[in-house]
Amino acid sequence: MRKRSSTHPLLVVIGGPTASGKSRIALQLACQLRAPIINADSRQFYRELTIGTAMPAPHTQRLVPHYLFGHRSIEAPAPTVKDYEQEVLNLLHRLFRRHRIAILVGGSGFFISAVLHGLDDIPTIPPNVRHHIHQLWQRHGLQFLQEEVARLDPDYYARVDRCNPRRLQRALEVIYHTGRPFSSFHHRQPAPRFFRYIYFGIYRPPESLKHRIRERLVGFWRRGQVEEARTALLSSSPIPRSTITYQELVPFFEGKCSLSEAFQRMQTHTWQYARRQMTWFRKYGPREWFTPDQHNLLTSRIRQVIEESHK
């Protein structure tokens, strides 16, 4: 029997911790493969948060088509993971009419997983339950949400972005409404997709990553991130106050710490976040990992996949 070749387009997925060099690798690949880049970083959605989220600069975005970067305002309701999944799938349907390859890059592992595998069927939450959880957050703050999720669903707490109040609220909404851990809904079979994918992780040794985090934060400040944060934090939106590199400046603006102390907290929190990302990616993410200087090896691996699909 003649072997049928794959006709499905290819999604190249690049994940990994913050400051690991994912965006640079994605840009190099996109230029070589003539492929568009899609954002999978939940904080790079927001046009008001450009410097402190390391969003690709405008001149970079003009080199190849970039999608879902800075396309939302912090004043709009934050998208759910389901919203993001559907937005990317709709986008891929359009992109794959013109391109055989697209690149998805970012550090939000749960968002990536939703695109590749789909989401579980989670019950609809009544408005009164959502309102109750939101009120608990406003009354008791982020730490209360963290402690509640850790107590009621330690499995989910181990992999959630603990600085994201919306994710924590979502988990508590489901727990309070159903009486079941949020993580218990995360066991369905992968949803069928109209594309193939290959999933890579970008890795740096801990000391190298720590150094890069510090250098990146210094670069943020030189480009005006403090003033960007000052403007963003004037908004009524909770997003800047739950975003690393912005939330640490709140005490400074309130006169409760020095700029140097705020910078040290940024370094600490960014490193802690990177470690949590690595924990998640190792458990739920890619099986193939590359260092940033292995670009040629990564390119060869992608071309191998492309060639095998035509045999």
C-alpha atoms as a PDB file:
ATOM      1  CA  MET A   1       0.000   0.000   0.000  1.00  0.00           C
ATOM      2  CA  ARG A   2       1.303   3.448  -0.884  1.00  0.00           C
ATOM      3  CA  LYS A   3       2.134   5.559   2.163  1.00  0.00           C
ATOM      4  CA  ARG A   4       0.119   8.753   2.198  1.00  0.00           C
ATOM      5  CA  SER A   5       2.122  11.916   2.904  1.00  0.00           C
ATOM      6  CA  SER A   6       0.923  14.410   5.489  1.00  0.00           C
ATOM      7  CA  THR A   7      -0.772  17.470   4.052  1.00  0.00           C
ATOM      8  CA  HIS A   8      -1.417  19.172   7.362  1.00  0.00           C
ATOM      9  CA  PRO A   9       0.393  22.467   7.951  1.00  0.00           C
ATOM     10  CA  LEU A  10       2.991  22.616  10.715  1.00  0.00           C
ATOM     11  CA  LEU A  11       2.894  24.659  13.914  1.00  0.00           C
ATOM     12  CA  VAL A  12       6.349  25.109  15.448  1.00  0.00           C
ATOM     13  CA  VAL A  13       5.928  25.713  19.191  1.00  0.00           C
ATOM     14  CA  ILE A  14       8.665  27.281  21.317  1.00  0.00           C
ATOM     15  CA  GLY A  15       8.230  27.425  25.076  1.00  0.00           C
ATOM     16  CA  GLY A  16      10.424  28.013  28.084  1.00  0.00           C
ATOM     17  CA  PRO A  17      10.994  30.350  31.003  1.00  0.00           C
ATOM     18  CA  THR A  18      11.120  34.120  30.835  1.00  0.00           C
ATOM     19  CA  ALA A  19      14.401  35.597  29.570  1.00  0.00           C
ATOM     20  CA  SER A  20      15.572  32.290  28.097  1.00  0.00           C
ATOM     21  CA  GLY A  21      15.851  33.676  24.559  1.00  0.00           C
ATOM     22  CA  LYS A  22      12.651  32.242  23.037  1.00  0.00           C
ATOM     23  CA  SER A  23      11.732  35.365  21.080  1.00  0.00           C
ATOM     24  CA  ARG A  24      15.133  35.664  19.411  1.00  0.00           C
ATOM     25  CA  ILE A  25      15.074  32.011  18.381  1.00  0.00           C
ATOM     26  CA  ALA A  26      11.508  32.396  17.071  1.00  0.00           C
ATOM     27  CA  LEU A  27      12.484  35.437  15.006  1.00  0.00           C
ATOM     28  CA  GLN A  28      15.485  33.681  13.482  1.00  0.00           C
ATOM     29  CA  LEU A  29      13.350  30.684  12.570  1.00  0.00           C
ATOM     30  CA  ALA A  30      10.562  32.856  11.199  1.00  0.00           C
ATOM     31  CA  CYS A  31      12.965  34.681   8.895  1.00  0.00           C
ATOM     32  CA  GLN A  32      14.463  31.408   7.647  1.00  0.00           C
ATOM     33  CA  LEU A  33      11.138  29.615   7.216  1.00  0.00           C
ATOM     34  CA  ARG A  34       9.140  32.689   6.127  1.00  0.00           C
ATOM     35  CA  ALA A  35       6.658  31.922   8.863  1.00  0.00           C
ATOM     36  CA  PRO A  36       4.450  34.224  10.946  1.00  0.00           C
ATOM     37  CA  ILE A  37       4.876  34.431  14.733  1.00  0.00           C
ATOM     38  CA  ILE A  38       1.977  34.089  17.191  1.00  0.00           C
ATOM     39  CA  ASN A  39       2.236  35.231  20.788  1.00  0.00           C
ATOM     40  CA  ALA A  40       1.763  32.776  23.666  1.00  0.00           C
ATOM     41  CA  ASP A  41       2.689  35.138  26.504  1.00  0.00           C
ATOM     42  CA  SER A  42      -0.394  36.224  28.423  1.00  0.00           C
ATOM     43  CA  ARG A  43       1.120  39.590  29.387  1.00  0.00           C
ATOM     44  CA  GLN A  44       2.296  40.545  25.909  1.00  0.00           C
ATOM     45  CA  PHE A  45      -1.356  40.814  24.879  1.00  0.00           C
ATOM     46  CA  TYR A  46      -1.572  44.317  26.363  1.00  0.00           C
ATOM     47  CA  ARG A  47      -0.523  47.415  24.458  1.00  0.00           C
ATOM     48  CA  GLU A  48       0.064  49.388  27.661  1.00  0.00           C
ATOM     49  CA  LEU A  49       2.617  46.854  28.944  1.00  0.00           C
ATOM     50  CA  THR A  50       5.314  46.805  26.291  1.00  0.00           C
ATOM     51  CA  ILE A  51       8.656  47.445  27.982  1.00  0.00           C
ATOM     52  CA  GLY A  52       8.138  45.438  31.171  1.00  0.00           C
ATOM     53  CA  THR A  53       6.862  42.385  29.303  1.00  0.00           C
ATOM     54  CA  ALA A  54       9.699  42.388  26.720  1.00  0.00           C
ATOM     55  CA  MET A  55       7.224  42.684  23.866  1.00  0.00           C
ATOM     56  CA  PRO A  56       8.972  42.570  20.471  1.00  0.00           C
ATOM     57  CA  ALA A  57       9.802  46.084  19.314  1.00  0.00           C
ATOM     58  CA  PRO A  58       7.873  47.581  16.362  1.00  0.00           C
ATOM     59  CA  HIS A  59      10.872  47.278  14.024  1.00  0.00           C
ATOM     60  CA  THR A  60      11.196  43.608  14.960  1.00  0.00           C
ATOM     61  CA  GLN A  61       7.522  42.976  14.310  1.00  0.00           C
ATOM     62  CA  ARG A  62       7.922  44.446  10.825  1.00  0.00           C
ATOM     63  CA  LEU A  63      10.525  41.832   9.858  1.00  0.00           C
ATOM     64  CA  VAL A  64       7.928  39.046   9.778  1.00  0.00           C
ATOM     65  CA  PRO A  65       4.200  39.069  10.539  1.00  0.00           C
ATOM     66  CA  HIS A  66       3.502  39.064  14.297  1.00  0.00           C
ATOM     67  CA  TYR A  67       0.077  38.304  15.767  1.00  0.00           C
ATOM     68  CA  LEU A  68      -1.596  38.775  19.154  1.00  0.00           C
ATOM     69  CA  PHE A  69       1.056  41.163  20.464  1.00  0.00           C
ATOM     70  CA  GLY A  70      -0.338  44.326  22.049  1.00  0.00           C
ATOM     71  CA  HIS A  71      -3.753  43.716  20.527  1.00  0.00           C
ATOM     72  CA  ARG A  72      -5.692  44.244  23.756  1.00  0.00           C
ATOM     73  CA  SER A  73      -6.042  47.009  26.311  1.00  0.00           C
ATOM     74  CA  ILE A  74      -5.682  46.450  30.046  1.00  0.00           C
ATOM     75  CA  GLU A  75      -9.032  48.233  30.340  1.00  0.00           C
ATOM     76  CA  ALA A  76     -10.804  45.375  28.523  1.00  0.00           C
ATOM     77  CA  PRO A  77     -11.816  42.145  30.275  1.00  0.00           C
ATOM     78  CA  ALA A  78      -8.907  39.714  30.474  1.00  0.00           C
ATOM     79  CA  PRO A  79      -9.296  36.800  28.038  1.00  0.00           C
ATOM     80  CA  THR A  80      -9.792  33.336  29.438  1.00  0.00           C
ATOM     81  CA  VAL A  81      -7.628  30.460  28.277  1.00  0.00           C
ATOM     82  CA  LYS A  82     -10.649  29.272  26.295  1.00  0.00           C
ATOM     83  CA  ASP A  83     -10.883  32.674  24.615  1.00  0.00           C
ATOM     84  CA  TYR A  84      -7.223  32.451  23.688  1.00  0.00           C
ATOM     85  CA  GLU A  85      -7.527  28.901  22.380  1.00  0.00           C
ATOM     86  CA  GLN A  86     -10.368  29.877  20.054  1.00  0.00           C
ATOM     87  CA  GLU A  87      -8.633  33.081  18.955  1.00  0.00           C
ATOM     88  CA  VAL A  88      -5.479  31.206  17.962  1.00  0.00           C
ATOM     89  CA  LEU A  89      -7.362  28.401  16.204  1.00  0.00           C
ATOM     90  CA  ASN A  90      -9.327  30.950  14.175  1.00  0.00           C
ATOM     91  CA  LEU A  91      -6.097  32.769  13.359  1.00  0.00           C
ATOM     92  CA  LEU A  92      -4.361  29.548  12.286  1.00  0.00           C
ATOM     93  CA  HIS A  93      -7.217  28.704   9.949  1.00  0.00           C
ATOM     94  CA  ARG A  94      -6.524  32.002   8.170  1.00  0.00           C
ATOM     95  CA  LEU A  95      -2.724  31.853   8.302  1.00  0.00           C
ATOM     96  CA  PHE A  96      -2.484  28.305   6.987  1.00  0.00           C
ATOM     97  CA  ARG A  97      -4.224  29.361   3.790  1.00  0.00           C
ATOM     98  CA  ARG A  98      -1.069  31.356   2.953  1.00  0.00           C
ATOM     99  CA  HIS A  99       1.655  29.642   4.993  1.00  0.00           C
ATOM    100  CA  ARG A 100       2.564  25.997   5.527  1.00  0.00           C
ATOM    101  CA  ILE A 101       4.379  26.800   8.760  1.00  0.00           C
ATOM    102  CA  ALA A 102       3.560  29.117  11.674  1.00  0.00           C
ATOM    103  CA  ILE A 103       5.438  29.683  14.937  1.00  0.00           C
ATOM    104  CA  LEU A 104       3.823  29.897  18.381  1.00  0.00           C
ATOM    105  CA  VAL A 105       6.147  31.280  21.058  1.00  0.00           C
ATOM    106  CA  GLY A 106       5.786  32.242  24.704  1.00  0.00           C
ATOM    107  CA  GLY A 107       6.101  31.305  28.322  1.00  0.00           C
ATOM    108  CA  SER A 108       2.429  30.777  29.201  1.00  0.00           C
ATOM    109  CA  GLY A 109       2.443  26.989  29.168  1.00  0.00           C
ATOM    110  CA  PHE A 110      -1.245  26.541  29.923  1.00  0.00           C
ATOM    111  CA  PHE A 111      -2.151  28.735  26.936  1.00  0.00           C
ATOM    112  CA  ILE A 112       0.137  26.685  24.691  1.00  0.00           C
ATOM    113  CA  SER A 113      -1.374  23.450  25.989  1.00  0.00           C
ATOM    114  CA  ALA A 114      -4.882  24.732  25.194  1.00  0.00           C
ATOM    115  CA  VAL A 115      -3.917  25.400  21.576  1.00  0.00           C
ATOM    116  CA  LEU A 116      -2.258  22.005  21.133  1.00  0.00           C
ATOM    117  CA  HIS A 117      -4.592  19.757  23.108  1.00  0.00           C
ATOM    118  CA  GLY A 118      -7.798  21.651  23.865  1.00  0.00           C
ATOM    119  CA  LEU A 119      -9.447  22.310  27.214  1.00  0.00           C
ATOM    120  CA  ASP A 120     -11.563  20.219  29.505  1.00  0.00           C
ATOM    121  CA  ASP A 121     -15.314  20.612  29.697  1.00  0.00           C
ATOM    122  CA  ILE A 122     -15.659  22.700  32.838  1.00  0.00           C
ATOM    123  CA  PRO A 123     -19.148  23.495  34.156  1.00  0.00           C
ATOM    124  CA  THR A 124     -20.586  26.947  33.620  1.00  0.00           C
ATOM    125  CA  ILE A 125     -20.165  28.996  36.776  1.00  0.00           C
ATOM    126  CA  PRO A 126     -23.227  30.919  38.022  1.00  0.00           C
ATOM    127  CA  PRO A 127     -22.762  34.707  38.164  1.00  0.00           C
ATOM    128  CA  ASN A 128     -23.324  34.800  41.932  1.00  0.00           C
ATOM    129  CA  VAL A 129     -20.400  32.411  42.506  1.00  0.00           C
ATOM    130  CA  ARG A 130     -18.103  34.431  40.253  1.00  0.00           C
ATOM    131  CA  HIS A 131     -19.153  37.621  42.028  1.00  0.00           C
ATOM    132  CA  HIS A 132     -18.521  36.031  45.439  1.00  0.00           C
ATOM    133  CA  ILE A 133     -14.988  34.951  44.490  1.00  0.00           C
ATOM    134  CA  HIS A 134     -14.254  38.361  43.006  1.00  0.00           C
ATOM    135  CA  GLN A 135     -15.392  40.007  46.222  1.00  0.00           C
ATOM    136  CA  LEU A 136     -13.142  37.708  48.263  1.00  0.00           C
ATOM    137  CA  TRP A 137     -10.189  38.803  46.149  1.00  0.00           C
ATOM    138  CA  GLN A 138     -10.995  42.495  46.508  1.00  0.00           C
ATOM    139  CA  ARG A 139     -11.521  42.122  50.260  1.00  0.00           C
ATOM    140  CA  HIS A 140      -8.603  39.848  51.154  1.00  0.00           C
ATOM    141  CA  GLY A 141      -6.118  40.248  48.304  1.00  0.00           C
ATOM    142  CA  LEU A 142      -3.935  37.981  46.203  1.00  0.00           C
ATOM    143  CA  GLN A 143      -2.419  36.096  49.132  1.00  0.00           C
ATOM    144  CA  PHE A 144      -5.852  34.851  50.180  1.00  0.00           C
ATOM    145  CA  LEU A 145      -6.471  33.443  46.690  1.00  0.00           C
ATOM    146  CA  GLN A 146      -3.084  31.746  46.720  1.00  0.00           C
ATOM    147  CA  GLU A 147      -3.649  30.171  50.127  1.00  0.00           C
ATOM    148  CA  GLU A 148      -7.141  28.964  49.209  1.00  0.00           C
ATOM    149  CA  VAL A 149      -6.015  27.323  45.976  1.00  0.00           C
ATOM    150  CA  ALA A 150      -3.005  25.780  47.726  1.00  0.00           C
ATOM    151  CA  ARG A 151      -5.297  24.359  50.409  1.00  0.00           C
ATOM    152  CA  LEU A 152      -8.091  23.125  48.155  1.00  0.00           C
ATOM    153  CA  ASP A 153      -6.169  22.059  45.042  1.00  0.00           C
ATOM    154  CA  PRO A 154      -2.407  21.655  45.631  1.00  0.00           C
ATOM    155  CA  ASP A 155      -1.950  19.959  42.246  1.00  0.00           C
ATOM    156  CA  TYR A 156      -3.223  22.975  40.353  1.00  0.00           C
ATOM    157  CA  TYR A 157      -1.399  25.364  42.682  1.00  0.00           C
ATOM    158  CA  ALA A 158       1.894  23.674  41.794  1.00  0.00           C
ATOM    159  CA  ARG A 159       1.535  24.693  38.125  1.00  0.00           C
ATOM    160  CA  VAL A 160      -0.599  27.839  38.070  1.00  0.00           C
ATOM    161  CA  ASP A 161       0.822  31.340  37.646  1.00  0.00           C
ATOM    162  CA  ARG A 162       0.398  32.325  41.295  1.00  0.00           C
ATOM    163  CA  CYS A 163       0.654  36.027  40.538  1.00  0.00           C
ATOM    164  CA  ASN A 164      -2.332  35.904  38.184  1.00  0.00           C
ATOM    165  CA  PRO A 165      -5.485  36.608  40.228  1.00  0.00           C
ATOM    166  CA  ARG A 166      -7.814  35.709  37.367  1.00  0.00           C
ATOM    167  CA  ARG A 167      -6.397  32.173  37.123  1.00  0.00           C
ATOM    168  CA  LEU A 168      -6.673  31.716  40.865  1.00  0.00           C
ATOM    169  CA  GLN A 169     -10.219  33.077  40.906  1.00  0.00           C
ATOM    170  CA  ARG A 170     -11.178  30.761  38.063  1.00  0.00           C
ATOM    171  CA  ALA A 171      -9.927  27.749  40.012  1.00  0.00           C
ATOM    172  CA  LEU A 172     -11.819  28.794  43.131  1.00  0.00           C
ATOM    173  CA  GLU A 173     -14.995  29.425  41.144  1.00  0.00           C
ATOM    174  CA  VAL A 174     -14.953  25.824  39.927  1.00  0.00           C
ATOM    175  CA  ILE A 175     -13.967  24.418  43.330  1.00  0.00           C
ATOM    176  CA  TYR A 176     -16.621  26.353  45.242  1.00  0.00           C
ATOM    177  CA  HIS A 177     -19.329  25.537  42.673  1.00  0.00           C
ATOM    178  CA  THR A 178     -18.596  21.841  42.116  1.00  0.00           C
ATOM    179  CA  GLY A 179     -16.888  20.780  45.320  1.00  0.00           C
ATOM    180  CA  ARG A 180     -14.141  19.199  43.191  1.00  0.00           C
ATOM    181  CA  PRO A 181     -10.531  20.299  42.652  1.00  0.00           C
ATOM    182  CA  PHE A 182     -10.067  22.361  39.524  1.00  0.00           C
ATOM    183  CA  SER A 183      -7.279  19.978  38.445  1.00  0.00           C
ATOM    184  CA  SER A 184      -9.736  17.061  38.420  1.00  0.00           C
ATOM    185  CA  PHE A 185     -11.242  18.482  35.216  1.00  0.00           C
ATOM    186  CA  HIS A 186      -7.899  18.369  33.392  1.00  0.00           C
ATOM    187  CA  HIS A 187      -7.846  14.782  32.183  1.00  0.00           C
ATOM    188  CA  ARG A 188      -9.722  14.705  28.875  1.00  0.00           C
ATOM    189  CA  GLN A 189      -8.319  13.247  25.665  1.00  0.00           C
ATOM    190  CA  PRO A 190      -6.536  15.732  23.366  1.00  0.00           C
ATOM    191  CA  ALA A 191      -8.877  17.515  20.997  1.00  0.00           C
ATOM    192  CA  PRO A 192      -8.406  16.835  17.256  1.00  0.00           C
ATOM    193  CA  ARG A 193      -6.462  19.529  15.416  1.00  0.00           C
ATOM    194  CA  PHE A 194      -6.159  20.448  11.736  1.00  0.00           C
ATOM    195  CA  PHE A 195      -2.389  20.913  11.954  1.00  0.00           C
ATOM    196  CA  ARG A 196       0.710  19.009  12.989  1.00  0.00           C
ATOM    197  CA  TYR A 197       2.974  20.489  15.621  1.00  0.00           C
ATOM    198  CA  ILE A 198       6.473  20.126  16.944  1.00  0.00           C
ATOM    199  CA  TYR A 199       7.121  21.466  20.428  1.00  0.00           C
ATOM    200  CA  PHE A 200      10.534  22.677  21.631  1.00  0.00           C
ATOM    201  CA  GLY A 201      11.771  24.146  24.884  1.00  0.00           C
ATOM    202  CA  ILE A 202      14.552  26.732  25.248  1.00  0.00           C
ATOM    203  CA  TYR A 203      16.772  26.156  28.253  1.00  0.00           C
ATOM    204  CA  ARG A 204      19.508  28.113  30.027  1.00  0.00           C
ATOM    205  CA  PRO A 205      21.498  26.946  33.072  1.00  0.00           C
ATOM    206  CA  PRO A 206      20.268  28.633  36.280  1.00  0.00           C
ATOM    207  CA  GLU A 207      23.211  31.017  36.711  1.00  0.00           C
ATOM    208  CA  SER A 208      23.034  32.062  33.073  1.00  0.00           C
ATOM    209  CA  LEU A 209      19.301  32.664  33.369  1.00  0.00           C
ATOM    210  CA  LYS A 210      19.723  34.703  36.563  1.00  0.00           C
ATOM    211  CA  HIS A 211      22.324  36.882  34.855  1.00  0.00           C
ATOM    212  CA  ARG A 212      20.114  37.354  31.805  1.00  0.00           C
ATOM    213  CA  ILE A 213      17.138  38.292  33.992  1.00  0.00           C
ATOM    214  CA  ARG A 214      19.174  41.006  35.692  1.00  0.00           C
ATOM    215  CA  GLU A 215      20.520  42.356  32.402  1.00  0.00           C
ATOM    216  CA  ARG A 216      17.048  42.364  30.922  1.00  0.00           C
ATOM    217  CA  LEU A 217      15.601  44.291  33.865  1.00  0.00           C
ATOM    218  CA  VAL A 218      18.381  46.869  33.594  1.00  0.00           C
ATOM    219  CA  GLY A 219      17.467  47.250  29.943  1.00  0.00           C
ATOM    220  CA  PHE A 220      13.803  47.735  30.853  1.00  0.00           C
ATOM    221  CA  TRP A 221      14.663  50.593  33.173  1.00  0.00           C
ATOM    222  CA  ARG A 222      16.914  52.283  30.638  1.00  0.00           C
ATOM    223  CA  ARG A 223      14.060  52.223  28.126  1.00  0.00           C
ATOM    224  CA  GLY A 224      11.636  53.873  30.539  1.00  0.00           C
ATOM    225  CA  GLN A 225       9.821  50.994  32.197  1.00  0.00           C
ATOM    226  CA  VAL A 226       9.360  52.905  35.475  1.00  0.00           C
ATOM    227  CA  GLU A 227       7.343  55.594  33.720  1.00  0.00           C
ATOM    228  CA  GLU A 228       5.430  53.003  31.729  1.00  0.00           C
ATOM    229  CA  ALA A 229       4.523  51.284  34.992  1.00  0.00           C
ATOM    230  CA  ARG A 230       3.512  54.591  36.604  1.00  0.00           C
ATOM    231  CA  THR A 231       1.027  55.218  33.798  1.00  0.00           C
ATOM    232  CA  ALA A 232      -0.291  51.633  33.705  1.00  0.00           C
ATOM    233  CA  LEU A 233      -0.813  51.521  37.463  1.00  0.00           C
ATOM    234  CA  LEU A 234      -3.050  54.598  37.300  1.00  0.00           C
ATOM    235  CA  SER A 235      -5.555  52.394  35.509  1.00  0.00           C
ATOM    236  CA  SER A 236      -8.369  50.737  37.431  1.00  0.00           C
ATOM    237  CA  SER A 237      -7.377  47.454  35.779  1.00  0.00           C
ATOM    238  CA  PRO A 238      -5.980  44.762  38.106  1.00  0.00           C
ATOM    239  CA  ILE A 239      -3.647  43.484  35.368  1.00  0.00           C
ATOM    240  CA  PRO A 240      -0.609  45.754  36.008  1.00  0.00           C
ATOM    241  CA  ARG A 241      -0.767  45.090  39.749  1.00  0.00           C
ATOM    242  CA  SER A 242      -0.648  41.353  39.097  1.00  0.00           C
ATOM    243  CA  THR A 243       2.188  41.544  36.557  1.00  0.00           C
ATOM    244  CA  ILE A 244       5.827  41.053  37.554  1.00  0.00           C
ATOM    245  CA  THR A 245       8.011  44.140  36.880  1.00  0.00           C
ATOM    246  CA  TYR A 246       4.963  46.358  37.464  1.00  0.00           C
ATOM    247  CA  GLN A 247       3.587  45.197  40.805  1.00  0.00           C
ATOM    248  CA  GLU A 248       6.983  45.642  42.500  1.00  0.00           C
ATOM    249  CA  LEU A 249       6.879  49.373  41.726  1.00  0.00           C
ATOM    250  CA  VAL A 250       3.640  49.952  43.638  1.00  0.00           C
ATOM    251  CA  PRO A 251       5.437  50.338  47.016  1.00  0.00           C
ATOM    252  CA  PHE A 252       7.953  52.704  45.384  1.00  0.00           C
ATOM    253  CA  PHE A 253       5.215  54.934  43.978  1.00  0.00           C
ATOM    254  CA  GLU A 254       3.563  54.893  47.408  1.00  0.00           C
ATOM    255  CA  GLY A 255       6.815  55.967  49.077  1.00  0.00           C
ATOM    256  CA  LYS A 256       7.221  52.707  50.965  1.00  0.00           C
ATOM    257  CA  CYS A 257      10.498  51.535  49.399  1.00  0.00           C
ATOM    258  CA  SER A 258      13.398  52.835  47.355  1.00  0.00           C
ATOM    259  CA  LEU A 259      13.846  52.284  43.640  1.00  0.00           C
ATOM    260  CA  SER A 260      16.796  50.009  44.412  1.00  0.00           C
ATOM    261  CA  GLU A 261      14.612  47.861  46.684  1.00  0.00           C
ATOM    262  CA  ALA A 262      11.926  47.656  43.995  1.00  0.00           C
ATOM    263  CA  PHE A 263      14.560  46.508  41.502  1.00  0.00           C
ATOM    264  CA  GLN A 264      15.774  43.784  43.852  1.00  0.00           C
ATOM    265  CA  ARG A 265      12.208  42.542  44.295  1.00  0.00           C
ATOM    266  CA  MET A 266      11.781  42.444  40.532  1.00  0.00           C
ATOM    267  CA  GLN A 267      14.850  40.259  40.198  1.00  0.00           C
ATOM    268  CA  THR A 268      13.683  37.929  42.944  1.00  0.00           C
ATOM    269  CA  HIS A 269      10.118  37.633  41.673  1.00  0.00           C
ATOM    270  CA  THR A 270      11.192  37.179  38.044  1.00  0.00           C
ATOM    271  CA  TRP A 271      13.610  34.405  39.020  1.00  0.00           C
ATOM    272  CA  GLN A 272      10.929  32.698  41.131  1.00  0.00           C
ATOM    273  CA  TYR A 273       8.509  32.939  38.216  1.00  0.00           C
ATOM    274  CA  ALA A 274      11.089  31.467  35.826  1.00  0.00           C
ATOM    275  CA  ARG A 275      11.584  28.515  38.171  1.00  0.00           C
ATOM    276  CA  ARG A 276       7.834  27.889  38.308  1.00  0.00           C
ATOM    277  CA  GLN A 277       7.686  28.034  34.523  1.00  0.00           C
ATOM    278  CA  MET A 278      10.483  25.468  34.245  1.00  0.00           C
ATOM    279  CA  THR A 279       8.676  23.177  36.687  1.00  0.00           C
ATOM    280  CA  TRP A 280       5.528  23.377  34.554  1.00  0.00           C
ATOM    281  CA  PHE A 281       7.287  22.902  31.224  1.00  0.00           C
ATOM    282  CA  ARG A 282       9.273  19.925  32.475  1.00  0.00           C
ATOM    283  CA  LYS A 283       6.099  18.207  33.621  1.00  0.00           C
ATOM    284  CA  TYR A 284       3.607  19.223  30.941  1.00  0.00           C
ATOM    285  CA  GLY A 285       5.604  20.798  28.131  1.00  0.00           C
ATOM    286  CA  PRO A 286       8.049  19.808  25.402  1.00  0.00           C
ATOM    287  CA  ARG A 287      10.185  16.697  25.334  1.00  0.00           C
ATOM    288  CA  GLU A 288      12.893  18.270  23.191  1.00  0.00           C
ATOM    289  CA  TRP A 289      15.048  21.031  24.681  1.00  0.00           C
ATOM    290  CA  PHE A 290      17.697  23.267  23.131  1.00  0.00           C
ATOM    291  CA  THR A 291      19.966  25.995  24.421  1.00  0.00           C
ATOM    292  CA  PRO A 292      19.883  29.388  22.646  1.00  0.00           C
ATOM    293  CA  ASP A 293      23.203  28.699  20.913  1.00  0.00           C
ATOM    294  CA  GLN A 294      21.849  25.516  19.309  1.00  0.00           C
ATOM    295  CA  HIS A 295      19.850  27.412  16.707  1.00  0.00           C
ATOM    296  CA  ASN A 296      21.330  25.471  13.779  1.00  0.00           C
ATOM    297  CA  LEU A 297      20.526  22.173  15.462  1.00  0.00           C
ATOM    298  CA  LEU A 298      16.967  23.333  16.116  1.00  0.00           C
ATOM    299  CA  THR A 299      16.567  24.420  12.495  1.00  0.00           C
ATOM    300  CA  SER A 300      17.840  21.038  11.293  1.00  0.00           C
ATOM    301  CA  ARG A 301      15.333  19.281  13.526  1.00  0.00           C
ATOM    302  CA  ILE A 302      12.454  21.292  12.070  1.00  0.00           C
ATOM    303  CA  ARG A 303      13.590  20.627   8.515  1.00  0.00           C
ATOM    304  CA  GLN A 304      13.793  16.929   9.359  1.00  0.00           C
ATOM    305  CA  VAL A 305      10.154  16.984  10.447  1.00  0.00           C
ATOM    306  CA  ILE A 306       9.162  18.821   7.262  1.00  0.00           C
ATOM    307  CA  GLU A 307      11.020  16.321   5.061  1.00  0.00           C
ATOM    308  CA  GLU A 308       9.565  13.307   6.875  1.00  0.00           C
ATOM    309  CA  SER A 309       6.058  14.640   6.287  1.00  0.00           C
ATOM    310  CA  HIS A 310       6.616  14.469   2.520  1.00  0.00           C
ATOM    311  CA  LYS A 311       7.898  10.895   2.374  1.00  0.00           C
END
